[in-house]
Amino acid sequence: MTDIQAVVQLCRIIIGPTFVEVEQSIMYECIDELRMQGYFVVQIDTIPLKNLDDLLNAFYEKCYFPDYFGFNEAALKDCLVDFSWLPAAGYIFVFLNIHQLDEKSLRIFLRHFALAHQIKERKARIALKLLLPVHPRNRILQEITDTWTLAYLSRRKPAK
């Protein structure tokens, strides 16, 4: 199995990891392969994202969110779970510079993305993933998403 096939396989796993790390050198080949398999794949941070408002606007524009989108984190989660306006085999969101977000915005986003990921994959059986380049700070992202995934599974809020 090639590296590209391995990454694509990880992205396709239902009830799998919230995000998949990819070597920068094969990122675009992985994106092309996922698109050929019917996945909606979009790079969210093509412009610098500094805060949650920037991030919400980027999702709204890149994912063709409906006009009723509320531009808050709960609305983001709801749209990520729904996607009825954009049917696909799965949904992959590429971030090349996710660590540029301020820490508070990053934590809020990851919390709501992790919850949407669990709902979408467990109930609709459709992949919803983040695709990130390998980065030393991704360990922090994993800790945040794991905390909220466990909270969802046990149906309680984690300690802050």
Protein backbone atom coordinates (compact mmCIF):
# COMPACT_ATOMS: atom_id res chain seq x y z
CA MET A 1 0.00 0.00 0.00
CA THR A 2 1.41 3.39 -0.94
CA ASP A 3 1.45 6.36 1.41
CA ILE A 4 -1.32 8.00 -0.62
CA GLN A 5 -3.49 4.89 -0.41
CA ALA A 6 -2.89 4.72 3.35
CA VAL A 7 -3.97 8.33 3.86
CA VAL A 8 -7.05 7.88 1.69
CA GLN A 9 -7.95 4.74 3.62
CA LEU A 10 -7.67 6.60 6.95
CA CYS A 11 -9.94 9.36 5.63
CA ARG A 12 -12.54 6.79 4.57
CA ILE A 13 -12.71 5.00 7.92
CA ILE A 14 -16.07 5.63 9.53
CA ILE A 15 -15.87 6.18 13.29
CA GLY A 16 -12.17 6.69 12.89
CA PRO A 17 -9.83 9.51 13.80
CA THR A 18 -11.08 13.11 13.81
CA PHE A 19 -8.09 14.23 11.81
CA VAL A 20 -5.56 12.60 9.56
CA GLU A 21 -1.97 13.78 9.29
CA VAL A 22 -0.32 13.82 5.87
CA GLU A 23 3.20 14.53 4.74
CA GLN A 24 3.16 17.80 2.83
CA SER A 25 4.81 16.11 -0.16
CA ILE A 26 1.75 13.92 -0.86
CA MET A 27 -1.04 16.20 0.40
CA TYR A 28 -2.35 17.24 -3.02
CA GLU A 29 -2.22 13.72 -4.44
CA CYS A 30 -4.32 12.54 -1.49
CA ILE A 31 -6.79 15.36 -2.08
CA ASP A 32 -7.09 14.44 -5.77
CA GLU A 33 -7.65 10.77 -4.94
CA LEU A 34 -10.36 11.56 -2.37
CA ARG A 35 -12.16 13.84 -4.85
CA MET A 36 -12.08 11.08 -7.47
CA GLN A 37 -13.79 8.82 -4.92
CA GLY A 38 -16.66 11.28 -4.48
CA TYR A 39 -15.52 13.12 -1.37
CA PHE A 40 -16.11 16.83 -0.90
CA VAL A 41 -12.59 18.08 -0.15
CA VAL A 42 -11.86 21.74 0.44
CA GLN A 43 -8.94 23.73 1.80
CA ILE A 44 -10.41 26.07 4.38
CA ASP A 45 -7.40 28.24 5.17
CA THR A 46 -6.48 29.58 1.73
CA ILE A 47 -6.45 33.00 3.40
CA PRO A 48 -4.98 33.66 6.84
CA LEU A 49 -7.38 32.73 9.61
CA LYS A 50 -6.66 34.50 12.87
CA ASN A 51 -9.87 34.03 14.87
CA LEU A 52 -13.20 32.23 15.01
CA ASP A 53 -14.98 34.84 12.87
CA ASP A 54 -12.45 34.34 10.06
CA LEU A 55 -12.91 30.59 10.34
CA LEU A 56 -16.71 30.74 10.29
CA ASN A 57 -16.64 32.99 7.22
CA ALA A 58 -14.22 30.63 5.46
CA PHE A 59 -16.48 27.62 6.13
CA TYR A 60 -19.52 29.58 4.96
CA GLU A 61 -17.87 30.51 1.67
CA LYS A 62 -15.95 27.30 0.93
CA CYS A 63 -18.72 24.89 1.90
CA TYR A 64 -21.62 26.80 0.36
CA PHE A 65 -23.41 26.97 3.71
CA PRO A 66 -27.08 27.98 3.45
CA ASP A 67 -28.21 31.57 4.01
CA TYR A 68 -29.63 30.67 7.42
CA PHE A 69 -26.12 29.88 8.74
CA GLY A 70 -25.85 31.71 12.08
CA PHE A 71 -22.10 32.47 12.07
CA ASN A 72 -21.48 30.90 15.47
CA GLU A 73 -19.90 27.65 16.59
CA ALA A 74 -23.22 25.85 17.19
CA ALA A 75 -24.36 26.74 13.65
CA LEU A 76 -21.06 25.43 12.32
CA LYS A 77 -21.58 22.12 14.08
CA ASP A 78 -25.16 21.90 12.78
CA CYS A 79 -24.11 22.55 9.18
CA LEU A 80 -21.22 20.07 9.39
CA VAL A 81 -23.65 17.40 10.56
CA ASP A 82 -26.29 18.27 7.94
CA PHE A 83 -24.68 18.99 4.52
CA SER A 84 -27.99 18.09 2.82
CA TRP A 85 -27.30 20.81 0.23
CA LEU A 86 -24.01 19.16 -0.77
CA PRO A 87 -24.27 15.35 -0.94
CA ALA A 88 -20.93 13.53 -1.04
CA ALA A 89 -19.32 10.25 -0.03
CA GLY A 90 -17.68 12.12 2.85
CA TYR A 91 -16.35 15.53 3.85
CA ILE A 92 -12.68 16.35 4.24
CA PHE A 93 -11.48 19.78 5.38
CA VAL A 94 -7.88 20.61 4.63
CA PHE A 95 -5.98 23.01 6.85
CA LEU A 96 -2.39 23.83 5.99
CA ASN A 97 -1.99 26.44 8.74
CA ILE A 98 -4.52 25.59 11.43
CA HIS A 99 -2.04 26.57 14.13
CA GLN A 100 -2.31 30.23 13.07
CA LEU A 101 -5.70 30.44 14.76
CA ASP A 102 -5.60 31.95 18.22
CA GLU A 103 -5.75 29.29 20.91
CA LYS A 104 -9.27 30.12 22.13
CA SER A 105 -10.72 29.97 18.60
CA LEU A 106 -8.83 26.76 17.87
CA ARG A 107 -10.21 25.07 21.00
CA ILE A 108 -13.77 26.21 20.26
CA PHE A 109 -13.52 25.02 16.66
CA LEU A 110 -12.03 21.64 17.59
CA ARG A 111 -14.64 21.06 20.27
CA HIS A 112 -17.50 21.62 17.83
CA PHE A 113 -15.79 19.79 14.99
CA ALA A 114 -15.14 16.77 17.23
CA LEU A 115 -18.82 16.69 18.23
CA ALA A 116 -19.96 17.05 14.60
CA HIS A 117 -17.50 14.32 13.62
CA GLN A 118 -18.97 11.91 16.18
CA ILE A 119 -22.57 12.66 15.22
CA LYS A 120 -21.98 12.49 11.46
CA GLU A 121 -19.92 9.33 11.54
CA ARG A 122 -21.96 7.45 14.12
CA LYS A 123 -25.45 8.39 12.95
CA ALA A 124 -25.10 9.07 9.22
CA ARG A 125 -22.12 6.74 8.70
CA ILE A 126 -20.39 9.37 6.55
CA ALA A 127 -16.76 10.43 7.05
CA LEU A 128 -16.15 13.95 8.38
CA LYS A 129 -12.43 14.61 8.84
CA LEU A 130 -9.72 17.22 9.06
CA LEU A 131 -6.70 16.66 6.83
CA LEU A 132 -3.60 18.30 8.27
CA PRO A 133 0.07 18.34 7.36
CA VAL A 134 2.33 16.63 9.86
CA HIS A 135 3.24 19.18 12.53
CA PRO A 136 4.67 18.86 16.07
CA ARG A 137 1.75 20.83 17.54
CA ASN A 138 -0.82 18.35 16.19
CA ARG A 139 -0.43 16.40 19.43
CA ILE A 140 -2.26 19.26 21.18
CA LEU A 141 -5.05 19.07 18.61
CA GLN A 142 -5.35 15.35 19.22
CA GLU A 143 -5.67 15.88 22.98
CA ILE A 144 -8.45 18.44 22.49
CA THR A 145 -10.44 16.31 20.04
CA ASP A 146 -9.96 13.17 22.15
CA THR A 147 -11.31 14.97 25.23
CA TRP A 148 -14.47 16.06 23.43
CA THR A 149 -14.90 12.72 21.69
CA LEU A 150 -14.82 10.94 25.04
CA ALA A 151 -17.26 13.50 26.45
CA TYR A 152 -19.66 12.86 23.57
CA LEU A 153 -19.42 9.12 24.01
CA SER A 154 -20.09 9.38 27.74
CA ARG A 155 -22.59 12.25 27.22
CA ARG A 156 -20.96 14.60 29.72
CA LYS A 157 -18.93 17.76 29.44
CA PRO A 158 -15.20 17.44 30.18
CA ALA A 159 -13.58 19.50 32.91
CA LYS A 160 -12.07 22.69 31.52
